[in-house]
Protein backbone atom coordinates (compact mmCIF):
# COMPACT_ATOMS: atom_id res chain seq x y z
CA MET A 1 -29.08 -1.55 15.18
CA LYS A 2 -26.42 -1.44 12.48
CA ALA A 3 -25.74 -5.17 12.92
CA ASP A 4 -29.48 -5.91 12.50
CA HIS A 5 -29.52 -3.93 9.26
CA ALA A 6 -26.55 -5.88 7.89
CA CYS A 7 -28.21 -9.13 8.94
CA LEU A 8 -31.43 -8.11 7.18
CA LYS A 9 -29.47 -7.21 4.04
CA ASN A 10 -27.75 -10.61 4.06
CA PHE A 11 -31.12 -12.30 4.52
CA MET A 12 -32.54 -10.41 1.53
CA ILE A 13 -29.55 -11.41 -0.60
CA LEU A 14 -30.08 -15.01 0.49
CA GLU A 15 -33.76 -14.81 -0.45
CA ILE A 16 -32.86 -13.44 -3.90
CA LEU A 17 -30.28 -16.18 -4.44
CA ILE A 18 -32.82 -18.84 -3.41
CA SER A 19 -35.37 -17.34 -5.80
CA LEU A 20 -32.84 -17.30 -8.64
CA GLY A 21 -31.92 -20.89 -7.84
CA LYS A 22 -35.58 -21.93 -8.06
CA VAL A 23 -35.98 -20.12 -11.38
CA ARG A 24 -32.79 -21.73 -12.71
CA ILE A 25 -33.98 -25.21 -11.66
CA PHE A 26 -37.38 -24.53 -13.24
CA LEU A 27 -35.80 -23.36 -16.51
CA LEU A 28 -33.46 -26.35 -16.50
CA LYS A 29 -36.40 -28.73 -16.06
CA GLU A 30 -38.34 -26.93 -18.80
CA SER A 31 -35.40 -27.10 -21.22
CA ILE A 32 -34.96 -30.82 -20.47
CA ASN A 33 -38.69 -31.39 -21.09
CA THR A 34 -38.51 -29.41 -24.33
CA ASN A 35 -35.41 -31.29 -25.51
CA THR A 36 -36.94 -34.69 -24.77
CA HIS A 37 -40.13 -33.58 -26.52
CA ILE A 38 -38.14 -32.46 -29.60
CA LEU A 39 -36.16 -35.72 -29.58
CA GLY A 40 -39.39 -37.66 -29.17
CA SER A 41 -40.96 -35.76 -32.08
CA LYS A 42 -37.99 -36.53 -34.31
CA LYS A 43 -38.24 -40.21 -33.43
CA GLY A 44 -42.01 -40.08 -33.82
CA ALA A 45 -42.57 -41.03 -30.18
CA CYS A 46 -44.78 -38.05 -29.34
């Protein structure tokens, strides 16, 4: 039973890390989009 609890805890940590990874990727994409938009605006491409 104790082993199952540890396994569950590890799984939860993994889930959190995956979620954080997704958020980080999303934020990275958003910042890239924003930067290209700003660059485009400066060049008058937007």
